[in-house]
């Protein structure tokens, strides 16, 4: 009997070790898939496949990270039991509905003879739904760890971008010609570097890193935002930091002392911020901020709407081939690209469906923000405002997937609730 009991215990220990090893392997695969999608830029992709070029096979138009996330999702959902506690079940259901609605938009584009445009929707929005579902199949500590790794990489990207601005040399390939040098970091565009650095500031506050580490990370992210030359992102980053200082409660400070402590810290931050901006200006890192706010770049983002003067009302209502629209933009407006998400979406889907598409994306953001903490709400607001100021939402970009991952990792306290028996989902 003693020998049998020992053998049985040994078998259970071995099974537990195998399960732990498989869980660790699966976690590393998920982290790898997200990091691949988030930080391998289109310009790096073009080294291996025709990712953004007009030529090439259809399968080359999706990111390697997109394939990885889609491949892992069935195993995560059906290959093992997972727990949905608190509001996680509602988020899971919302993300399923979001993904199904995105599929319907893809089907519409295919039926309307624009299948090539569906690659953008898959690579930017359908994968975002899949990424959110993949996150929810993980335990709360696993989700937080994915969020921590993502934020650490964004801090590294801001640091690399700052070094690039100082040395005037980019680490990664870049396929566009800039009138003045702007850094990339680990992103696909200088504006993306600024937008993601500014957005990450709010989420860093929600980490459990030591205080000195969070302050250092916010400092690097702010410097990276400045170095990127993204003016809208910089303005919003300043407002974000002020909002975090003023409106977010400090749990480690007695309520009766918070106003005095916050005022002192705010004064230090303002003085230090002015000094920092002065040093960066002296180093030549604020050259894009020296001119007028309403310069050529701003004029380009406004004049793009003149394209509606060169198309029929049917093109506005039902959409138009984007290559033809780009040709009009090039020849009539003398602009190189359609640097406006609203204009891009109107011609992609037609005005009624473009409004519906925007409503679906806004709905999933608001659903994931339900019950979220103040820093998460502030960070999400910064993301939306910065993204609407450029074409981040209308290009094959990982930003939507990234914000959904961060919202699930840090968005609320529901995930910390103890699991209930009726919350366990088992493989089909």
Protein backbone atom coordinates (compact mmCIF):
# COMPACT_ATOMS: atom_id res chain seq x y z
CA UNK A 1 0.00 0.00 0.00
CA UNK A 2 2.85 2.34 0.83
CA UNK A 3 4.55 1.71 -2.49
CA UNK A 4 1.31 2.21 -4.40
CA UNK A 5 0.67 5.52 -2.64
CA UNK A 6 4.17 6.74 -3.40
CA UNK A 7 3.87 5.81 -7.07
CA UNK A 8 0.51 7.55 -7.32
CA UNK A 9 1.87 10.70 -5.72
CA UNK A 10 4.88 10.62 -8.04
CA UNK A 11 2.58 10.31 -11.04
CA UNK A 12 0.52 13.29 -9.88
CA UNK A 13 3.67 15.37 -9.38
CA UNK A 14 4.90 14.45 -12.85
CA UNK A 15 1.55 15.35 -14.38
CA UNK A 16 1.54 18.68 -12.53
CA UNK A 17 5.04 19.44 -13.77
CA UNK A 18 4.07 18.62 -17.35
CA UNK A 19 1.01 20.85 -17.03
CA UNK A 20 3.10 23.70 -15.65
CA UNK A 21 5.63 23.28 -18.44
CA UNK A 22 2.89 23.32 -21.07
CA UNK A 23 1.28 26.37 -19.46
CA UNK A 24 4.62 28.20 -19.46
CA UNK A 25 5.25 27.24 -23.09
CA UNK A 26 1.79 28.44 -24.11
CA UNK A 27 2.28 31.70 -22.23
CA UNK A 28 5.60 32.30 -24.00
CA UNK A 29 3.97 31.57 -27.36
CA UNK A 30 1.22 34.11 -26.64
CA UNK A 31 3.74 36.76 -25.55
CA UNK A 32 5.83 36.04 -28.64
CA UNK A 33 2.82 36.37 -30.94
CA UNK A 34 1.83 39.73 -29.46
CA UNK A 35 5.36 41.12 -29.48
CA UNK A 36 5.76 39.96 -33.10
CA UNK A 37 2.61 41.82 -34.12
CA UNK A 38 3.33 44.91 -32.04
CA UNK A 39 7.01 45.53 -32.72
CA UNK A 40 7.86 44.09 -36.13
CA UNK A 41 7.10 47.05 -38.38
CA UNK A 42 5.75 46.91 -41.94
CA UNK A 43 9.19 47.99 -43.17
CA UNK A 44 10.79 44.98 -41.49
CA UNK A 45 8.04 42.76 -42.91
CA UNK A 46 8.84 44.06 -46.39
CA UNK A 47 12.35 42.65 -46.04
CA UNK A 48 10.85 39.14 -46.02
CA UNK A 49 7.56 39.44 -47.97
CA UNK A 50 5.63 41.94 -50.08
CA UNK A 51 3.65 43.13 -47.08
CA UNK A 52 2.80 46.69 -48.19
CA UNK A 53 3.84 46.51 -51.85
CA UNK A 54 1.23 46.37 -54.61
CA UNK A 55 2.69 43.13 -55.92
CA UNK A 56 2.83 39.81 -54.13
CA UNK A 57 0.50 37.00 -53.11
CA UNK A 58 -2.57 37.50 -50.94
CA UNK A 59 -1.09 35.57 -48.03
CA UNK A 60 1.83 38.03 -47.91
CA UNK A 61 -0.50 40.90 -46.98
CA UNK A 62 -1.10 39.68 -43.43
CA UNK A 63 1.45 40.22 -40.68
CA UNK A 64 3.37 37.26 -39.26
CA UNK A 65 2.05 38.23 -35.83
CA UNK A 66 -1.52 38.16 -37.14
CA UNK A 67 -1.05 34.58 -38.31
CA UNK A 68 0.46 33.66 -34.95
CA UNK A 69 -2.44 35.15 -32.95
CA UNK A 70 -5.05 33.44 -35.15
CA UNK A 71 -3.19 30.13 -34.89
CA UNK A 72 -3.02 30.24 -31.08
CA UNK A 73 -6.65 31.26 -30.50
CA UNK A 74 -8.33 27.87 -31.21
CA UNK A 75 -5.89 26.07 -28.89
CA UNK A 76 -6.48 28.68 -26.17
CA UNK A 77 -10.28 28.51 -26.40
CA UNK A 78 -10.86 24.79 -27.09
CA UNK A 79 -7.64 23.13 -25.98
CA UNK A 80 -7.85 23.73 -22.23
CA UNK A 81 -10.29 25.00 -19.60
CA UNK A 82 -10.06 28.63 -18.57
CA UNK A 83 -11.80 30.83 -16.04
CA UNK A 84 -13.89 33.93 -16.73
CA UNK A 85 -14.44 35.69 -13.42
CA UNK A 86 -16.33 38.88 -12.67
CA UNK A 87 -17.03 40.83 -15.85
CA UNK A 88 -14.66 38.70 -17.95
CA UNK A 89 -17.55 36.64 -19.36
CA UNK A 90 -19.23 39.83 -20.56
CA UNK A 91 -16.01 41.04 -22.16
CA UNK A 92 -15.50 37.67 -23.83
CA UNK A 93 -19.02 37.75 -25.27
CA UNK A 94 -18.56 41.35 -26.44
CA UNK A 95 -15.30 40.48 -28.20
CA UNK A 96 -16.95 37.51 -29.93
CA UNK A 97 -19.72 39.80 -31.21
CA UNK A 98 -17.16 42.42 -32.22
CA UNK A 99 -15.18 39.83 -34.22
CA UNK A 100 -18.33 38.52 -35.94
CA UNK A 101 -19.33 42.05 -36.94
CA UNK A 102 -15.87 42.68 -38.35
CA UNK A 103 -16.22 39.47 -40.38
CA UNK A 104 -19.46 40.85 -41.83
CA UNK A 105 -17.64 44.01 -42.94
CA UNK A 106 -14.98 41.84 -44.57
CA UNK A 107 -17.67 39.86 -46.40
CA UNK A 108 -19.22 43.12 -47.59
CA UNK A 109 -15.90 44.32 -49.03
CA UNK A 110 -15.47 41.01 -50.84
CA UNK A 111 -18.98 41.13 -52.30
CA UNK A 112 -18.45 44.74 -53.41
CA UNK A 113 -15.32 43.72 -55.33
CA UNK A 114 -12.79 45.15 -52.90
CA UNK A 115 -11.22 41.98 -51.46
CA UNK A 116 -7.76 43.53 -51.38
CA UNK A 117 -8.98 46.11 -48.86
CA UNK A 118 -10.19 43.36 -46.53
CA UNK A 119 -6.56 42.57 -45.68
CA UNK A 120 -6.33 45.88 -43.83
CA UNK A 121 -9.48 45.13 -41.82
CA UNK A 122 -8.20 41.65 -40.91
CA UNK A 123 -4.72 42.86 -40.01
CA UNK A 124 -5.88 45.79 -37.88
CA UNK A 125 -9.32 44.97 -36.48
CA UNK A 126 -10.19 41.27 -36.73
CA UNK A 127 -6.85 40.39 -35.14
CA UNK A 128 -7.67 42.89 -32.37
CA UNK A 129 -10.77 40.88 -31.48
CA UNK A 130 -8.77 37.65 -31.63
CA UNK A 131 -6.06 39.17 -29.46
CA UNK A 132 -8.61 40.26 -26.86
CA UNK A 133 -10.13 36.78 -26.74
CA UNK A 134 -6.66 35.26 -26.42
CA UNK A 135 -5.95 37.54 -23.46
CA UNK A 136 -9.16 36.52 -21.69
CA UNK A 137 -8.24 32.83 -21.88
CA UNK A 138 -5.25 33.59 -19.65
CA UNK A 139 -5.24 33.94 -15.88
CA UNK A 140 -5.28 37.50 -14.43
CA UNK A 141 -1.56 37.27 -13.51
CA UNK A 142 -0.80 36.08 -17.04
CA UNK A 143 -2.73 38.98 -18.58
CA UNK A 144 -0.93 41.45 -16.34
CA UNK A 145 2.41 39.92 -17.33
CA UNK A 146 1.58 40.37 -21.03
CA UNK A 147 0.69 43.98 -20.25
CA UNK A 148 3.94 44.46 -18.36
CA UNK A 149 5.99 43.07 -21.25
CA UNK A 150 4.13 45.27 -23.73
CA UNK A 151 4.73 48.39 -21.63
CA UNK A 152 8.40 47.47 -21.13
CA UNK A 153 8.80 47.20 -24.90
CA UNK A 154 7.09 50.57 -25.37
CA UNK A 155 9.50 52.12 -22.87
CA UNK A 156 12.38 50.51 -24.77
CA UNK A 157 10.95 51.88 -28.02
CA UNK A 158 10.82 55.39 -26.52
CA UNK A 159 14.42 55.03 -25.35
CA UNK A 160 15.57 53.85 -28.78
CA UNK A 161 13.64 56.70 -30.42
CA UNK A 162 15.36 59.23 -28.15
CA UNK A 163 18.78 57.81 -29.02
CA UNK A 164 17.85 57.89 -32.71
CA UNK A 165 16.89 61.55 -32.43
CA UNK A 166 20.22 62.37 -30.80
CA UNK A 167 22.34 60.34 -33.26
CA UNK A 168 20.15 61.03 -36.32
CA UNK A 169 20.34 57.36 -37.19
CA UNK A 170 17.44 54.87 -37.16
CA UNK A 171 17.81 51.37 -35.82
CA UNK A 172 15.18 49.77 -38.09
CA UNK A 173 14.44 50.24 -41.81
CA UNK A 174 12.02 52.97 -42.86
CA UNK A 175 10.49 53.32 -46.31
CA UNK A 176 9.29 56.94 -46.30
CA UNK A 177 11.18 60.14 -47.06
CA UNK A 178 11.02 62.79 -44.34
CA UNK A 179 11.87 66.48 -44.81
CA UNK A 180 13.35 66.48 -41.32
CA UNK A 181 14.68 63.50 -39.40
CA UNK A 182 12.22 61.86 -37.03
CA UNK A 183 12.90 58.68 -35.04
CA UNK A 184 10.97 55.42 -35.17
CA UNK A 185 11.96 53.45 -32.12
CA UNK A 186 10.33 50.05 -32.54
CA UNK A 187 7.24 51.47 -34.28
CA UNK A 188 6.34 51.83 -37.94
CA UNK A 189 6.14 55.64 -38.05
CA UNK A 190 7.32 58.62 -35.96
CA UNK A 191 3.70 59.54 -35.21
CA UNK A 192 3.09 55.98 -33.99
CA UNK A 193 6.09 56.30 -31.67
CA UNK A 194 4.61 59.48 -30.19
CA UNK A 195 1.07 58.10 -29.96
CA UNK A 196 2.06 54.84 -28.28
CA UNK A 197 4.52 56.53 -25.92
CA UNK A 198 1.85 59.00 -24.81
CA UNK A 199 -0.79 56.29 -24.42
CA UNK A 200 1.50 54.03 -22.39
CA UNK A 201 2.00 56.70 -19.70
CA UNK A 202 -1.46 56.13 -18.26
CA UNK A 203 -1.08 52.36 -18.18
CA UNK A 204 2.32 52.51 -16.47
CA UNK A 205 0.55 54.06 -13.47
CA UNK A 206 -1.51 50.84 -13.19
CA UNK A 207 1.48 48.50 -13.02
CA UNK A 208 2.80 47.08 -9.77
CA UNK A 209 6.33 48.17 -10.55
CA UNK A 210 8.31 49.95 -7.81
CA UNK A 211 7.56 53.67 -7.65
CA UNK A 212 11.01 54.67 -8.90
CA UNK A 213 10.60 52.34 -11.88
CA UNK A 214 7.20 53.77 -12.80
CA UNK A 215 8.53 57.33 -12.55
CA UNK A 216 11.51 56.40 -14.72
CA UNK A 217 9.28 54.69 -17.29
CA UNK A 218 6.95 57.72 -17.50
CA UNK A 219 9.99 59.98 -17.88
CA UNK A 220 11.34 57.90 -20.78
CA UNK A 221 7.93 57.69 -22.44
CA UNK A 222 7.50 61.46 -22.21
CA UNK A 223 10.98 62.08 -23.63
CA UNK A 224 10.22 59.58 -26.40
CA UNK A 225 7.01 61.48 -27.19
CA UNK A 226 8.97 64.72 -27.48
CA UNK A 227 11.69 63.08 -29.58
CA UNK A 228 9.11 61.66 -32.02
CA UNK A 229 8.09 65.14 -33.12
CA UNK A 230 4.42 64.23 -32.73
CA UNK A 231 2.94 67.52 -31.61
CA UNK A 232 -0.59 66.35 -30.87
CA UNK A 233 0.78 63.42 -28.88
CA UNK A 234 3.04 65.74 -26.88
CA UNK A 235 0.22 68.14 -26.00
CA UNK A 236 -1.98 65.24 -24.92
CA UNK A 237 0.89 63.61 -22.98
CA UNK A 238 1.32 66.82 -20.96
CA UNK A 239 -2.41 66.98 -20.26
CA UNK A 240 -2.42 63.26 -19.44
CA UNK A 241 0.31 63.61 -16.82
CA UNK A 242 -1.47 66.58 -15.26
CA UNK A 243 -4.76 64.66 -15.22
CA UNK A 244 -3.11 61.64 -13.61
CA UNK A 245 -1.60 63.84 -10.91
CA UNK A 246 -4.80 65.75 -10.20
CA UNK A 247 -7.67 63.30 -10.62
CA UNK A 248 -6.25 59.88 -9.68
CA UNK A 249 -6.50 59.14 -5.92
CA UNK A 250 -3.25 58.33 -4.15
CA UNK A 251 -4.05 55.35 -1.97
CA UNK A 252 -0.82 55.57 0.03
CA UNK A 253 -1.48 59.16 1.09
CA UNK A 254 -4.06 60.02 3.74
CA UNK A 255 -7.12 61.72 2.17
CA UNK A 256 -6.67 64.84 4.28
CA UNK A 257 -3.09 65.23 3.03
CA UNK A 258 -3.65 64.44 -0.66
CA UNK A 259 -4.36 68.00 -1.78
CA UNK A 260 -1.17 69.36 -0.20
CA UNK A 261 1.01 66.48 -1.42
CA UNK A 262 -0.43 66.63 -4.92
CA UNK A 263 0.14 70.38 -5.12
CA UNK A 264 3.78 69.92 -4.12
CA UNK A 265 4.36 67.12 -6.61
CA UNK A 266 2.53 69.05 -9.34
CA UNK A 267 4.75 72.08 -8.75
CA UNK A 268 7.88 69.91 -8.94
CA UNK A 269 6.65 68.25 -12.14
CA UNK A 270 5.84 71.58 -13.79
CA UNK A 271 9.24 73.08 -12.93
CA UNK A 272 11.04 69.90 -13.92
CA UNK A 273 9.04 69.62 -17.13
CA UNK A 274 9.86 73.16 -18.20
CA UNK A 275 13.54 72.53 -17.47
CA UNK A 276 13.45 69.25 -19.41
CA UNK A 277 11.82 70.86 -22.42
CA UNK A 278 14.43 73.62 -22.29
CA UNK A 279 17.26 71.08 -22.33
CA UNK A 280 15.66 69.16 -25.22
CA UNK A 281 15.10 72.40 -27.14
CA UNK A 282 18.76 73.31 -26.68
CA UNK A 283 19.67 69.85 -28.01
CA UNK A 284 17.62 70.51 -31.16
CA UNK A 285 14.94 67.93 -30.36
CA UNK A 286 12.05 70.40 -30.56
CA UNK A 287 12.67 71.67 -34.08
CA UNK A 288 9.18 70.63 -35.24
CA UNK A 289 7.66 72.69 -32.44
CA UNK A 290 9.43 75.89 -33.39
CA UNK A 291 7.12 76.86 -36.23
CA UNK A 292 3.42 77.50 -36.38
CA UNK A 293 0.92 74.90 -35.20
CA UNK A 294 -1.12 75.53 -38.35
CA UNK A 295 1.67 74.55 -40.75
CA UNK A 296 1.76 72.43 -43.92
CA UNK A 297 1.09 69.18 -42.07
CA UNK A 298 -2.00 70.60 -40.44
CA UNK A 299 -3.14 72.06 -43.77
CA UNK A 300 -2.71 68.65 -45.42
CA UNK A 301 -4.95 67.00 -42.84
CA UNK A 302 -7.62 69.62 -43.49
CA UNK A 303 -7.32 69.89 -47.27
CA UNK A 304 -7.70 66.12 -47.68
CA UNK A 305 -11.45 66.66 -47.23
CA UNK A 306 -11.47 68.59 -50.52
CA UNK A 307 -11.32 65.19 -52.23
CA UNK A 308 -15.10 65.01 -51.82
CA UNK A 309 -15.34 67.81 -54.40
CA UNK A 310 -13.93 65.46 -57.06
CA UNK A 311 -16.24 62.46 -56.55
CA UNK A 312 -19.95 61.82 -56.94
CA UNK A 313 -22.44 61.40 -54.13
CA UNK A 314 -22.71 57.71 -55.08
CA UNK A 315 -18.98 57.32 -54.32
CA UNK A 316 -19.54 58.89 -50.92
CA UNK A 317 -22.55 56.73 -50.07
CA UNK A 318 -21.32 53.41 -51.48
CA UNK A 319 -17.55 53.89 -51.45
CA UNK A 320 -14.95 53.97 -54.21
CA UNK A 321 -11.81 52.09 -55.16
CA UNK A 322 -9.08 53.45 -52.90
CA UNK A 323 -6.44 53.39 -55.64
CA UNK A 324 -8.63 55.72 -57.70
CA UNK A 325 -9.18 57.97 -54.69
CA UNK A 326 -5.44 58.09 -54.05
CA UNK A 327 -4.86 59.06 -57.68
CA UNK A 328 -7.25 62.00 -57.21
CA UNK A 329 -5.51 63.00 -54.00
CA UNK A 330 -2.13 62.90 -55.75
CA UNK A 331 -3.14 64.76 -58.91
CA UNK A 332 -5.74 67.25 -57.67
CA UNK A 333 -4.75 67.90 -54.06
CA UNK A 334 -1.01 67.23 -54.49
CA UNK A 335 -0.92 65.12 -51.34
CA UNK A 336 1.08 61.86 -51.15
CA UNK A 337 -1.36 59.84 -49.03
CA UNK A 338 -4.87 59.78 -47.58
CA UNK A 339 -3.80 60.85 -44.09
CA UNK A 340 -7.27 60.84 -42.59
CA UNK A 341 -9.04 57.87 -41.06
CA UNK A 342 -12.56 59.31 -41.66
CA UNK A 343 -11.88 59.96 -45.36
CA UNK A 344 -10.28 56.53 -45.80
CA UNK A 345 -13.18 54.73 -44.11
CA UNK A 346 -15.84 56.63 -46.07
CA UNK A 347 -14.35 55.56 -49.39
CA UNK A 348 -13.63 52.05 -48.12
CA UNK A 349 -17.16 51.25 -46.90
CA UNK A 350 -19.36 54.13 -47.98
CA UNK A 351 -20.61 56.73 -45.51
CA UNK A 352 -23.42 54.73 -43.81
CA UNK A 353 -21.28 51.65 -43.23
CA UNK A 354 -18.27 53.78 -42.27
CA UNK A 355 -20.37 55.29 -39.48
CA UNK A 356 -21.48 51.78 -38.47
CA UNK A 357 -17.87 50.53 -38.48
CA UNK A 358 -16.74 53.44 -36.31
CA UNK A 359 -19.63 52.72 -33.96
CA UNK A 360 -18.59 49.07 -33.61
CA UNK A 361 -14.99 50.02 -32.77
CA UNK A 362 -16.10 52.71 -30.31
CA UNK A 363 -18.54 50.26 -28.70
CA UNK A 364 -15.86 47.64 -27.99
CA UNK A 365 -13.60 50.29 -26.45
CA UNK A 366 -16.40 51.53 -24.21
CA UNK A 367 -17.35 47.96 -23.28
CA UNK A 368 -13.79 47.13 -22.25
CA UNK A 369 -13.62 50.38 -20.29
CA UNK A 370 -16.71 49.54 -18.25
CA UNK A 371 -15.63 49.54 -14.62
CA UNK A 372 -12.09 50.55 -15.58
CA UNK A 373 -9.94 52.72 -13.35
CA UNK A 374 -9.34 56.41 -14.00
CA UNK A 375 -5.79 55.98 -15.42
CA UNK A 376 -7.06 53.44 -17.96
CA UNK A 377 -9.83 55.82 -19.03
CA UNK A 378 -7.38 58.69 -19.37
CA UNK A 379 -4.93 56.57 -21.38
CA UNK A 380 -7.70 55.29 -23.68
CA UNK A 381 -8.93 58.84 -24.29
CA UNK A 382 -5.41 59.95 -25.20
CA UNK A 383 -5.11 57.01 -27.60
CA UNK A 384 -8.36 57.81 -29.41
CA UNK A 385 -7.61 61.53 -29.73
CA UNK A 386 -4.07 60.94 -31.01
CA UNK A 387 -5.18 58.19 -33.40
CA UNK A 388 -7.86 60.43 -34.90
CA UNK A 389 -5.23 63.08 -35.62
CA UNK A 390 -3.42 60.81 -38.11
CA UNK A 391 -4.07 57.67 -40.15
CA UNK A 392 -3.25 55.10 -37.44
CA UNK A 393 -6.81 53.74 -37.54
CA UNK A 394 -6.81 53.42 -41.33
CA UNK A 395 -3.53 51.60 -41.89
CA UNK A 396 -2.23 48.10 -41.22
CA UNK A 397 -1.18 49.02 -37.71
CA UNK A 398 -1.11 47.07 -34.42
CA UNK A 399 -2.39 49.98 -32.34
CA UNK A 400 -5.99 48.75 -31.97
CA UNK A 401 -4.83 45.29 -30.91
CA UNK A 402 -2.32 46.82 -28.50
CA UNK A 403 -4.86 49.08 -26.79
CA UNK A 404 -7.29 46.16 -26.37
CA UNK A 405 -4.53 44.02 -24.86
CA UNK A 406 -3.59 46.80 -22.42
CA UNK A 407 -7.22 47.45 -21.48
CA UNK A 408 -7.73 43.78 -20.64
CA UNK A 409 -4.43 43.61 -18.76
CA UNK A 410 -4.97 46.79 -16.71
CA UNK A 411 -8.47 48.02 -17.45
CA UNK A 412 -10.33 47.07 -14.30
CA UNK A 413 -10.44 45.16 -11.09
CA UNK A 414 -12.95 42.56 -12.20
CA UNK A 415 -10.23 40.23 -13.36
CA UNK A 416 -8.85 40.16 -9.82
CA UNK A 417 -12.09 38.72 -8.45
CA UNK A 418 -11.88 35.16 -7.13
CA UNK A 419 -13.01 32.57 -9.67
CA UNK A 420 -16.46 31.08 -9.33
CA UNK A 421 -17.34 27.51 -10.15
CA UNK A 422 -19.95 28.59 -12.66
CA UNK A 423 -17.39 30.80 -14.40
CA UNK A 424 -15.30 27.89 -15.63
CA UNK A 425 -15.44 27.39 -19.39
CA UNK A 426 -14.37 23.99 -20.63
CA UNK A 427 -13.25 22.97 -24.07
CA UNK A 428 -15.99 22.19 -26.52
